[in-house]
Each structure stands twice: as C-alpha cells, then as structure tokens.
Amino acid sequence: MKKIPVIIIMISFLFVSFSAFSAEKEGQKGANSTVYDKASDQAIFNRVGDWFATLGKNEEEKAQILRKRKLKRDAKQLEKEVKKAKKQAIEIKNTTDKDKAK
C-alpha cells in the first residue's frame, strides 16, 4: 500500500520535469517558439481578446474592429515568416560557403 503514493509522487515529478524542458534554450522560461508559430487566428486567446474589444459595440463597429485586429495579426505573422526565411537563407549561404571552402 505504501508503494502506490510513492509511485504517484514519482510520476508527478516526471511530468513536472518534462514541462521544464519545453523552452528552446537553456535558462529560458516559457513555451517553445514552435507553439506560437502554430497558433492560429482562431485560437482561444485571440477570440477572447476580440470579444473584449467588441463588447458593447454595434455590428458595424464590431466588424471594423475585427478587421483591424485580423490585419494586425496577419502583418505580425508575415513579419515572423520573413524573419524565418531570412534566417534560413543565411544558414543556406553559410553551408554553401563552407562547402566551397573545402
């Protein structure tokens, strides 16, 4: 009977340790950046923010606010994609330069 609580405690420590390794770099806290890359506009935090922003507004104002917020999120996503593409281009250039040097 004493083994069951010990096993439960060990399993809980195991789950806690997995969440500690979710960050990309050592010493960095928080979620991995791939989590944010895969988040969509229909994620719960976007819908809740949109709901608060449109609370008490008429239909025309709601539509206008939602359009602006969507455009802002799309622009931010495009910026992220451009940064990622630049990073990949630099990595490709560095690998080709190393191959040429050999």
N, C-alpha and C. Protein backbone atom coordinates (compact mmCIF):
# COMPACT_ATOMS: atom_id res chain seq x y z
N MET A 1 0.82 -1.20 0.00
CA MET A 1 0.00 0.00 0.00
C MET A 1 0.86 1.26 0.00
N LYS A 2 2.01 1.19 0.60
CA LYS A 2 2.88 2.38 0.65
C LYS A 2 3.50 2.67 -0.71
N LYS A 3 3.51 1.68 -1.58
CA LYS A 3 4.14 1.86 -2.88
C LYS A 3 3.30 2.76 -3.79
N ILE A 4 1.99 2.72 -3.66
CA ILE A 4 1.11 3.48 -4.55
C ILE A 4 1.34 4.98 -4.41
N PRO A 5 1.33 5.56 -3.21
CA PRO A 5 1.60 7.01 -3.13
C PRO A 5 3.00 7.39 -3.63
N VAL A 6 3.97 6.53 -3.40
CA VAL A 6 5.33 6.81 -3.86
C VAL A 6 5.37 6.82 -5.39
N ILE A 7 4.68 5.89 -6.01
CA ILE A 7 4.63 5.83 -7.47
C ILE A 7 3.93 7.06 -8.03
N ILE A 8 2.84 7.47 -7.41
CA ILE A 8 2.11 8.66 -7.86
C ILE A 8 2.99 9.90 -7.75
N ILE A 9 3.71 10.03 -6.68
CA ILE A 9 4.61 11.18 -6.49
C ILE A 9 5.72 11.16 -7.54
N MET A 10 6.27 9.99 -7.81
CA MET A 10 7.34 9.89 -8.81
C MET A 10 6.82 10.26 -10.21
N ILE A 11 5.64 9.82 -10.55
CA ILE A 11 5.06 10.15 -11.84
C ILE A 11 4.79 11.64 -11.96
N SER A 12 4.31 12.25 -10.87
CA SER A 12 4.05 13.69 -10.91
C SER A 12 5.35 14.48 -11.10
N PHE A 13 6.44 14.05 -10.47
CA PHE A 13 7.72 14.72 -10.68
C PHE A 13 8.21 14.54 -12.12
N LEU A 14 7.90 13.41 -12.70
CA LEU A 14 8.28 13.16 -14.08
C LEU A 14 7.57 14.14 -15.02
N PHE A 15 6.27 14.37 -14.81
CA PHE A 15 5.53 15.31 -15.65
C PHE A 15 6.01 16.74 -15.44
N VAL A 16 6.36 17.10 -14.25
CA VAL A 16 6.86 18.45 -13.97
C VAL A 16 8.19 18.67 -14.70
N SER A 17 9.03 17.67 -14.71
CA SER A 17 10.34 17.83 -15.36
C SER A 17 10.20 17.98 -16.86
N PHE A 18 9.22 17.34 -17.50
CA PHE A 18 9.02 17.50 -18.93
C PHE A 18 8.65 18.93 -19.28
N SER A 19 7.82 19.57 -18.49
CA SER A 19 7.43 20.94 -18.79
C SER A 19 8.59 21.90 -18.61
N ALA A 20 9.56 21.55 -17.79
CA ALA A 20 10.72 22.41 -17.59
C ALA A 20 11.63 22.41 -18.81
N PHE A 21 11.56 21.39 -19.64
CA PHE A 21 12.42 21.30 -20.82
C PHE A 21 11.75 21.78 -22.09
N SER A 22 10.62 22.45 -21.98
CA SER A 22 9.91 22.86 -23.18
C SER A 22 10.53 24.08 -23.85
N ALA A 23 11.31 24.88 -23.16
CA ALA A 23 11.92 26.06 -23.74
C ALA A 23 13.03 25.66 -24.71
N GLU A 24 13.33 26.54 -25.67
CA GLU A 24 14.33 26.23 -26.69
C GLU A 24 15.75 26.25 -26.13
N LYS A 25 16.06 27.27 -25.38
CA LYS A 25 17.42 27.45 -24.90
C LYS A 25 17.47 27.17 -23.41
N GLU A 26 18.64 26.77 -22.96
CA GLU A 26 18.79 26.53 -21.53
C GLU A 26 18.65 27.85 -20.78
N GLY A 27 17.96 27.82 -19.69
CA GLY A 27 17.76 29.01 -18.88
C GLY A 27 16.59 29.85 -19.31
N GLN A 28 16.03 29.55 -20.49
CA GLN A 28 14.89 30.31 -20.99
C GLN A 28 13.62 29.70 -20.44
N LYS A 29 12.73 30.54 -19.95
CA LYS A 29 11.47 30.05 -19.42
C LYS A 29 10.38 30.26 -20.45
N GLY A 30 9.37 29.46 -20.38
CA GLY A 30 8.23 29.62 -21.27
C GLY A 30 8.17 28.56 -22.34
N ALA A 31 7.23 28.74 -23.22
CA ALA A 31 6.97 27.76 -24.27
C ALA A 31 7.96 27.90 -25.41
N ASN A 32 8.10 26.85 -26.15
CA ASN A 32 8.94 26.81 -27.32
C ASN A 32 8.32 27.71 -28.40
N SER A 33 9.12 28.30 -29.26
CA SER A 33 8.59 29.22 -30.28
C SER A 33 7.71 28.52 -31.29
N THR A 34 7.86 27.21 -31.45
CA THR A 34 7.01 26.50 -32.40
C THR A 34 5.56 26.51 -31.96
N VAL A 35 5.33 26.65 -30.68
CA VAL A 35 3.96 26.75 -30.18
C VAL A 35 3.31 28.00 -30.74
N TYR A 36 4.03 29.10 -30.71
CA TYR A 36 3.48 30.36 -31.20
C TYR A 36 3.36 30.36 -32.72
N ASP A 37 4.26 29.67 -33.41
CA ASP A 37 4.19 29.60 -34.87
C ASP A 37 2.94 28.85 -35.33
N LYS A 38 2.54 27.86 -34.56
CA LYS A 38 1.39 27.04 -34.95
C LYS A 38 0.06 27.60 -34.46
N ALA A 39 0.10 28.66 -33.69
CA ALA A 39 -1.15 29.26 -33.20
C ALA A 39 -1.88 29.93 -34.35
N SER A 40 -3.18 29.75 -34.41
CA SER A 40 -3.96 30.34 -35.49
C SER A 40 -4.73 31.56 -34.98
N ASP A 41 -5.37 32.25 -35.92
CA ASP A 41 -6.21 33.39 -35.54
C ASP A 41 -7.41 32.96 -34.73
N GLN A 42 -7.80 31.73 -34.86
CA GLN A 42 -8.97 31.25 -34.14
C GLN A 42 -8.61 30.66 -32.78
N ALA A 43 -7.41 30.90 -32.31
CA ALA A 43 -7.00 30.42 -31.00
C ALA A 43 -7.82 31.12 -29.93
N ILE A 44 -7.94 30.48 -28.80
CA ILE A 44 -8.82 30.99 -27.74
C ILE A 44 -8.38 32.36 -27.25
N PHE A 45 -7.08 32.62 -27.16
CA PHE A 45 -6.65 33.92 -26.66
C PHE A 45 -6.97 35.03 -27.64
N ASN A 46 -7.00 34.74 -28.94
CA ASN A 46 -7.41 35.76 -29.91
C ASN A 46 -8.91 35.99 -29.85
N ARG A 47 -9.69 34.94 -29.72
CA ARG A 47 -11.14 35.08 -29.67
C ARG A 47 -11.57 35.84 -28.42
N VAL A 48 -10.94 35.55 -27.29
CA VAL A 48 -11.30 36.25 -26.05
C VAL A 48 -10.94 37.73 -26.16
N GLY A 49 -9.76 38.03 -26.70
CA GLY A 49 -9.36 39.42 -26.89
C GLY A 49 -10.29 40.16 -27.82
N ASP A 50 -10.70 39.48 -28.90
CA ASP A 50 -11.65 40.09 -29.83
C ASP A 50 -13.00 40.33 -29.15
N TRP A 51 -13.40 39.39 -28.34
CA TRP A 51 -14.68 39.53 -27.64
C TRP A 51 -14.66 40.75 -26.71
N PHE A 52 -13.56 40.89 -25.95
CA PHE A 52 -13.45 42.05 -25.06
C PHE A 52 -13.40 43.35 -25.85
N ALA A 53 -12.72 43.35 -26.99
CA ALA A 53 -12.59 44.56 -27.80
C ALA A 53 -13.91 44.99 -28.40
N THR A 54 -14.79 44.04 -28.68
CA THR A 54 -16.06 44.36 -29.33
C THR A 54 -17.23 44.39 -28.36
N LEU A 55 -16.97 44.21 -27.11
CA LEU A 55 -18.03 44.18 -26.11
C LEU A 55 -18.75 45.53 -26.05
N GLY A 56 -20.05 45.52 -26.25
CA GLY A 56 -20.85 46.73 -26.17
C GLY A 56 -20.86 47.58 -27.43
N LYS A 57 -20.31 47.08 -28.52
CA LYS A 57 -20.26 47.84 -29.77
C LYS A 57 -21.39 47.37 -30.69
N ASN A 58 -21.77 48.23 -31.63
CA ASN A 58 -22.78 47.81 -32.60
C ASN A 58 -22.11 46.96 -33.68
N GLU A 59 -22.89 46.40 -34.57
CA GLU A 59 -22.37 45.44 -35.56
C GLU A 59 -21.34 46.05 -36.50
N GLU A 60 -21.53 47.29 -36.92
CA GLU A 60 -20.58 47.93 -37.82
C GLU A 60 -19.23 48.14 -37.12
N GLU A 61 -19.28 48.62 -35.89
CA GLU A 61 -18.04 48.82 -35.13
C GLU A 61 -17.34 47.50 -34.87
N LYS A 62 -18.12 46.46 -34.55
CA LYS A 62 -17.54 45.15 -34.31
C LYS A 62 -16.80 44.65 -35.55
N ALA A 63 -17.45 44.77 -36.70
CA ALA A 63 -16.83 44.30 -37.94
C ALA A 63 -15.54 45.07 -38.24
N GLN A 64 -15.57 46.38 -38.01
CA GLN A 64 -14.39 47.21 -38.27
C GLN A 64 -13.25 46.84 -37.31
N ILE A 65 -13.56 46.66 -36.04
CA ILE A 65 -12.55 46.31 -35.04
C ILE A 65 -11.95 44.94 -35.36
N LEU A 66 -12.81 43.98 -35.72
CA LEU A 66 -12.32 42.64 -36.03
C LEU A 66 -11.43 42.64 -37.27
N ARG A 67 -11.79 43.44 -38.29
CA ARG A 67 -10.94 43.55 -39.49
C ARG A 67 -9.57 44.11 -39.13
N LYS A 68 -9.56 45.18 -38.33
CA LYS A 68 -8.27 45.79 -37.96
C LYS A 68 -7.41 44.82 -37.17
N ARG A 69 -8.03 44.11 -36.23
CA ARG A 69 -7.27 43.17 -35.41
C ARG A 69 -6.73 42.01 -36.26
N LYS A 70 -7.54 41.54 -37.21
CA LYS A 70 -7.09 40.46 -38.09
C LYS A 70 -5.94 40.93 -38.97
N LEU A 71 -6.05 42.13 -39.52
CA LEU A 71 -4.95 42.67 -40.33
C LEU A 71 -3.67 42.81 -39.52
N LYS A 72 -3.81 43.24 -38.29
CA LYS A 72 -2.64 43.39 -37.42
C LYS A 72 -1.99 42.03 -37.14
N ARG A 73 -2.82 41.01 -36.87
CA ARG A 73 -2.28 39.67 -36.63
C ARG A 73 -1.63 39.11 -37.89
N ASP A 74 -2.25 39.34 -39.06
CA ASP A 74 -1.68 38.86 -40.32
C ASP A 74 -0.34 39.52 -40.61
N ALA A 75 -0.24 40.82 -40.34
CA ALA A 75 1.03 41.53 -40.56
C ALA A 75 2.11 40.98 -39.65
N LYS A 76 1.75 40.71 -38.42
CA LYS A 76 2.72 40.17 -37.46
C LYS A 76 3.17 38.78 -37.91
N GLN A 77 2.25 37.97 -38.40
CA GLN A 77 2.59 36.64 -38.87
C GLN A 77 3.51 36.71 -40.10
N LEU A 78 3.24 37.65 -41.00
CA LEU A 78 4.11 37.82 -42.17
C LEU A 78 5.52 38.25 -41.76
N GLU A 79 5.61 39.12 -40.76
CA GLU A 79 6.93 39.52 -40.26
C GLU A 79 7.69 38.32 -39.73
N LYS A 80 7.01 37.46 -39.00
CA LYS A 80 7.65 36.26 -38.48
C LYS A 80 8.13 35.36 -39.61
N GLU A 81 7.31 35.21 -40.64
CA GLU A 81 7.70 34.37 -41.77
C GLU A 81 8.88 34.95 -42.52
N VAL A 82 8.94 36.27 -42.65
CA VAL A 82 10.07 36.93 -43.31
C VAL A 82 11.34 36.70 -42.50
N LYS A 83 11.25 36.86 -41.18
CA LYS A 83 12.43 36.63 -40.33
C LYS A 83 12.91 35.19 -40.45
N LYS A 84 11.95 34.25 -40.47
CA LYS A 84 12.31 32.85 -40.58
C LYS A 84 12.97 32.57 -41.93
N ALA A 85 12.45 33.17 -43.01
CA ALA A 85 13.02 32.98 -44.34
C ALA A 85 14.43 33.57 -44.41
N LYS A 86 14.63 34.74 -43.80
CA LYS A 86 15.96 35.35 -43.78
C LYS A 86 16.95 34.45 -43.03
N LYS A 87 16.51 33.91 -41.92
CA LYS A 87 17.37 33.03 -41.12
C LYS A 87 17.74 31.79 -41.91
N GLN A 88 16.77 31.21 -42.61
CA GLN A 88 17.05 30.03 -43.43
C GLN A 88 17.99 30.37 -44.58
N ALA A 89 17.82 31.55 -45.18
CA ALA A 89 18.69 31.96 -46.29
C ALA A 89 20.13 32.13 -45.79
N ILE A 90 20.28 32.69 -44.63
CA ILE A 90 21.63 32.87 -44.06
C ILE A 90 22.26 31.52 -43.77
N GLU A 91 21.48 30.59 -43.22
CA GLU A 91 22.00 29.25 -42.94
C GLU A 91 22.41 28.54 -44.22
N ILE A 92 21.61 28.67 -45.26
CA ILE A 92 21.94 28.04 -46.55
C ILE A 92 23.21 28.66 -47.13
N LYS A 93 23.31 29.99 -47.03
CA LYS A 93 24.50 30.68 -47.54
C LYS A 93 25.74 30.23 -46.79
N ASN A 94 25.63 30.11 -45.47
CA ASN A 94 26.78 29.68 -44.67
C ASN A 94 27.19 28.26 -45.02
N THR A 95 26.24 27.37 -45.23
CA THR A 95 26.60 25.99 -45.57
C THR A 95 27.21 25.91 -46.95
N THR A 96 26.72 26.70 -47.90
CA THR A 96 27.32 26.68 -49.25
C THR A 96 28.72 27.30 -49.22
N ASP A 97 28.92 28.32 -48.41
CA ASP A 97 30.26 28.91 -48.29
C ASP A 97 31.24 27.91 -47.70
N LYS A 98 30.79 27.13 -46.74
CA LYS A 98 31.66 26.11 -46.14
C LYS A 98 31.98 25.02 -47.14
N ASP A 99 31.01 24.66 -47.97
CA ASP A 99 31.24 23.63 -49.00
C ASP A 99 32.22 24.13 -50.04
N LYS A 100 32.13 25.39 -50.41
CA LYS A 100 33.05 25.97 -51.40
C LYS A 100 34.46 26.05 -50.86
N ALA A 101 34.59 26.30 -49.55
CA ALA A 101 35.90 26.42 -48.92
C ALA A 101 36.62 25.08 -48.89
N LYS A 102 35.88 24.00 -48.92
CA LYS A 102 36.51 22.66 -48.89
C LYS A 102 37.04 22.35 -50.22
